[in-house]
Every structure is written in C-alpha cells, then in structure tokens.
C-alpha cells in the first residue's frame, strides 16, 4: 500500500507556525523520520480566497494529469490564460503548486484544512 502524500493547511499565527517547525526540527534532530508539509494562513478569509473552487479544481487537474505549462493547463481547463496564470502564481506562492522549469505539479493526494475555533 503506497503512502498518501498530504499537505496540512492551517489557519493560525506565526507563533503556531514556528511551534510546528520547531517540533518537526526537534523530531528530526532526535533521528525521527519527518515527512510532513504545512501551509499556514494567518486568517480564515485568506485561506478561503486562496483555496477557491476554481483553484481547487486546478490543483486536482494538475495532480491527476500534470501540466507541461500554464498555456496548456488553461486549454485543458477551458479557462482564460490570464486567470489560470494568476491562479498558478497564487498556488505556487503558497507552496501548493510546484514548478520545475515550465512544468507544474501538485504532489499532494490530500489537502487537510485545520481551523481552530479558539482563535479570535
């Protein structure tokens, strides 16, 4: 059975992000295998704006089919190149989409979102 590659998407503070990083660092320093990816948004609205239905569709498409470049991706999705280019830039900036030259990949099988109800 192959391992599921997942990315944890969190809404939280820089302090919480730092604690996750320090925890992973300490586990790695102790010899533990650490294979986790986190993306942290400072507020819920930014996360929702970034993970719009169109962008999630784009991530799914790239995960399943790959993309040799943005123009071909826009054609595959039957969307305007400019809008797809903007979506790719946002997803790439957050680390949810990976670029190698012109080729795009979304190496995640699963995206898990965590939103604390204890935050202001």
C-alpha atoms as a PDB file:
ATOM      1  CA  UNK A   1       0.000   0.000   0.000  1.00  0.00           C
ATOM      2  CA  UNK A   2       1.511   3.335  -1.013  1.00  0.00           C
ATOM      3  CA  UNK A   3       1.754   6.261   1.342  1.00  0.00           C
ATOM      4  CA  UNK A   4      -0.687   9.132   0.916  1.00  0.00           C
ATOM      5  CA  UNK A   5       1.061  12.448   0.365  1.00  0.00           C
ATOM      6  CA  UNK A   6      -0.844  15.119   2.197  1.00  0.00           C
ATOM      7  CA  UNK A   7      -0.423  18.757   2.946  1.00  0.00           C
ATOM      8  CA  UNK A   8      -1.787  20.285   6.135  1.00  0.00           C
ATOM      9  CA  UNK A   9      -3.374  23.694   5.600  1.00  0.00           C
ATOM     10  CA  UNK A  10      -3.694  25.650   8.822  1.00  0.00           C
ATOM     11  CA  UNK A  11      -5.181  28.934   9.916  1.00  0.00           C
ATOM     12  CA  UNK A  12      -3.044  30.255  12.720  1.00  0.00           C
ATOM     13  CA  UNK A  13      -0.456  32.665  13.963  1.00  0.00           C
ATOM     14  CA  UNK A  14       3.232  32.936  13.179  1.00  0.00           C
ATOM     15  CA  UNK A  15       3.880  31.620  16.694  1.00  0.00           C
ATOM     16  CA  UNK A  16       1.884  28.457  15.987  1.00  0.00           C
ATOM     17  CA  UNK A  17       3.670  28.030  12.670  1.00  0.00           C
ATOM     18  CA  UNK A  18       7.002  28.392  14.462  1.00  0.00           C
ATOM     19  CA  UNK A  19       5.999  25.783  17.042  1.00  0.00           C
ATOM     20  CA  UNK A  20       5.146  23.284  14.276  1.00  0.00           C
ATOM     21  CA  UNK A  21       8.503  23.970  12.629  1.00  0.00           C
ATOM     22  CA  UNK A  22      10.438  23.648  15.894  1.00  0.00           C
ATOM     23  CA  UNK A  23       8.611  20.417  16.732  1.00  0.00           C
ATOM     24  CA  UNK A  24       9.476  18.900  13.357  1.00  0.00           C
ATOM     25  CA  UNK A  25      13.070  20.105  13.686  1.00  0.00           C
ATOM     26  CA  UNK A  26      13.407  18.543  17.145  1.00  0.00           C
ATOM     27  CA  UNK A  27      11.915  15.236  15.970  1.00  0.00           C
ATOM     28  CA  UNK A  28      14.343  15.177  13.018  1.00  0.00           C
ATOM     29  CA  UNK A  29      17.268  16.023  15.309  1.00  0.00           C
ATOM     30  CA  UNK A  30      16.253  13.062  17.501  1.00  0.00           C
ATOM     31  CA  UNK A  31      16.523  10.789  14.469  1.00  0.00           C
ATOM     32  CA  UNK A  32      12.821  10.503  13.713  1.00  0.00           C
ATOM     33  CA  UNK A  33      11.780  10.492  10.061  1.00  0.00           C
ATOM     34  CA  UNK A  34       9.795  13.692   9.482  1.00  0.00           C
ATOM     35  CA  UNK A  35       7.772  13.810   6.284  1.00  0.00           C
ATOM     36  CA  UNK A  36       5.113  16.457   6.638  1.00  0.00           C
ATOM     37  CA  UNK A  37       4.161  19.590   4.801  1.00  0.00           C
ATOM     38  CA  UNK A  38       2.274  22.505   6.299  1.00  0.00           C
ATOM     39  CA  UNK A  39       0.922  25.696   4.791  1.00  0.00           C
ATOM     40  CA  UNK A  40      -0.238  28.328   7.252  1.00  0.00           C
ATOM     41  CA  UNK A  41      -2.604  31.193   6.559  1.00  0.00           C
ATOM     42  CA  UNK A  42      -2.850  33.974   9.110  1.00  0.00           C
ATOM     43  CA  UNK A  43      -6.631  34.227   8.763  1.00  0.00           C
ATOM     44  CA  UNK A  44      -9.560  32.194   7.504  1.00  0.00           C
ATOM     45  CA  UNK A  45     -10.549  34.616   4.757  1.00  0.00           C
ATOM     46  CA  UNK A  46      -7.131  34.429   3.120  1.00  0.00           C
ATOM     47  CA  UNK A  47      -7.288  30.640   3.180  1.00  0.00           C
ATOM     48  CA  UNK A  48     -10.780  30.627   1.642  1.00  0.00           C
ATOM     49  CA  UNK A  49      -9.758  33.146  -1.024  1.00  0.00           C
ATOM     50  CA  UNK A  50      -6.639  31.141  -1.868  1.00  0.00           C
ATOM     51  CA  UNK A  51      -8.440  27.799  -1.974  1.00  0.00           C
ATOM     52  CA  UNK A  52     -11.334  28.934  -4.153  1.00  0.00           C
ATOM     53  CA  UNK A  53     -13.316  26.262  -6.021  1.00  0.00           C
ATOM     54  CA  UNK A  54     -11.523  27.156  -9.281  1.00  0.00           C
ATOM     55  CA  UNK A  55      -8.096  26.844  -7.679  1.00  0.00           C
ATOM     56  CA  UNK A  56      -9.005  23.533  -6.060  1.00  0.00           C
ATOM     57  CA  UNK A  57     -10.189  22.304  -9.462  1.00  0.00           C
ATOM     58  CA  UNK A  58      -6.853  23.425 -10.927  1.00  0.00           C
ATOM     59  CA  UNK A  59      -4.925  21.569  -8.185  1.00  0.00           C
ATOM     60  CA  UNK A  60      -6.965  18.397  -8.783  1.00  0.00           C
ATOM     61  CA  UNK A  61      -6.371  18.596 -12.526  1.00  0.00           C
ATOM     62  CA  UNK A  62      -2.622  19.106 -12.150  1.00  0.00           C
ATOM     63  CA  UNK A  63      -2.439  16.289  -9.571  1.00  0.00           C
ATOM     64  CA  UNK A  64      -4.216  13.869 -11.897  1.00  0.00           C
ATOM     65  CA  UNK A  65      -2.846  14.944 -15.285  1.00  0.00           C
ATOM     66  CA  UNK A  66       0.213  17.114 -14.670  1.00  0.00           C
ATOM     67  CA  UNK A  67       0.790  20.269 -16.708  1.00  0.00           C
ATOM     68  CA  UNK A  68       3.651  20.998 -19.081  1.00  0.00           C
ATOM     69  CA  UNK A  69       2.973  24.731 -18.960  1.00  0.00           C
ATOM     70  CA  UNK A  70       0.331  27.277 -17.965  1.00  0.00           C
ATOM     71  CA  UNK A  71      -0.993  27.757 -21.514  1.00  0.00           C
ATOM     72  CA  UNK A  72      -1.732  24.041 -21.947  1.00  0.00           C
ATOM     73  CA  UNK A  73      -3.221  23.937 -18.468  1.00  0.00           C
ATOM     74  CA  UNK A  74      -5.589  26.802 -19.325  1.00  0.00           C
ATOM     75  CA  UNK A  75      -6.615  24.985 -22.506  1.00  0.00           C
ATOM     76  CA  UNK A  76      -7.201  21.727 -20.607  1.00  0.00           C
ATOM     77  CA  UNK A  77      -9.387  23.523 -18.091  1.00  0.00           C
ATOM     78  CA  UNK A  78     -11.159  25.555 -20.817  1.00  0.00           C
ATOM     79  CA  UNK A  79     -10.317  28.732 -18.888  1.00  0.00           C
ATOM     80  CA  UNK A  80      -8.799  32.081 -19.768  1.00  0.00           C
ATOM     81  CA  UNK A  81      -4.975  32.002 -19.772  1.00  0.00           C
ATOM     82  CA  UNK A  82      -4.658  35.198 -17.705  1.00  0.00           C
ATOM     83  CA  UNK A  83      -6.897  33.854 -14.928  1.00  0.00           C
ATOM     84  CA  UNK A  84      -5.142  30.471 -14.846  1.00  0.00           C
ATOM     85  CA  UNK A  85      -1.765  32.224 -14.798  1.00  0.00           C
ATOM     86  CA  UNK A  86      -2.891  34.277 -11.785  1.00  0.00           C
ATOM     87  CA  UNK A  87      -4.231  31.169 -10.010  1.00  0.00           C
ATOM     88  CA  UNK A  88      -0.975  29.304 -10.673  1.00  0.00           C
ATOM     89  CA  UNK A  89       1.031  32.224  -9.256  1.00  0.00           C
ATOM     90  CA  UNK A  90      -1.027  32.268  -6.042  1.00  0.00           C
ATOM     91  CA  UNK A  91      -0.891  28.487  -5.560  1.00  0.00           C
ATOM     92  CA  UNK A  92       2.821  28.435  -6.333  1.00  0.00           C
ATOM     93  CA  UNK A  93       3.484  31.214  -3.799  1.00  0.00           C
ATOM     94  CA  UNK A  94       1.714  29.225  -1.082  1.00  0.00           C
ATOM     95  CA  UNK A  95       3.656  26.071  -1.953  1.00  0.00           C
ATOM     96  CA  UNK A  96       0.617  24.086  -3.027  1.00  0.00           C
ATOM     97  CA  UNK A  97       1.745  24.001  -6.660  1.00  0.00           C
ATOM     98  CA  UNK A  98       5.337  23.186  -7.594  1.00  0.00           C
ATOM     99  CA  UNK A  99       7.102  24.485 -10.707  1.00  0.00           C
ATOM    100  CA  UNK A 100      10.067  22.775 -12.314  1.00  0.00           C
ATOM    101  CA  UNK A 101      11.008  24.958 -15.272  1.00  0.00           C
ATOM    102  CA  UNK A 102       7.686  25.387 -17.043  1.00  0.00           C
ATOM    103  CA  UNK A 103       6.227  22.103 -15.791  1.00  0.00           C
ATOM    104  CA  UNK A 104       3.744  22.219 -12.898  1.00  0.00           C
ATOM    105  CA  UNK A 105       2.944  19.556 -10.332  1.00  0.00           C
ATOM    106  CA  UNK A 106       0.714  19.166  -7.321  1.00  0.00           C
ATOM    107  CA  UNK A 107       2.365  16.327  -5.391  1.00  0.00           C
ATOM    108  CA  UNK A 108      -0.419  16.041  -2.812  1.00  0.00           C
ATOM    109  CA  UNK A 109      -3.015  13.282  -2.736  1.00  0.00           C
ATOM    110  CA  UNK A 110      -4.867  15.049   0.020  1.00  0.00           C
ATOM    111  CA  UNK A 111      -5.245  18.550   1.402  1.00  0.00           C
ATOM    112  CA  UNK A 112      -6.329  18.700   5.051  1.00  0.00           C
ATOM    113  CA  UNK A 113      -7.554  22.024   6.405  1.00  0.00           C
ATOM    114  CA  UNK A 114      -7.401  22.847  10.111  1.00  0.00           C
ATOM    115  CA  UNK A 115      -9.218  25.831  11.548  1.00  0.00           C
ATOM    116  CA  UNK A 116      -9.134  26.407  15.284  1.00  0.00           C
ATOM    117  CA  UNK A 117     -12.333  27.627  16.855  1.00  0.00           C
ATOM    118  CA  UNK A 118     -10.302  29.026  19.755  1.00  0.00           C
ATOM    119  CA  UNK A 119      -8.634  31.769  17.717  1.00  0.00           C
ATOM    120  CA  UNK A 120     -10.024  35.288  17.512  1.00  0.00           C
END
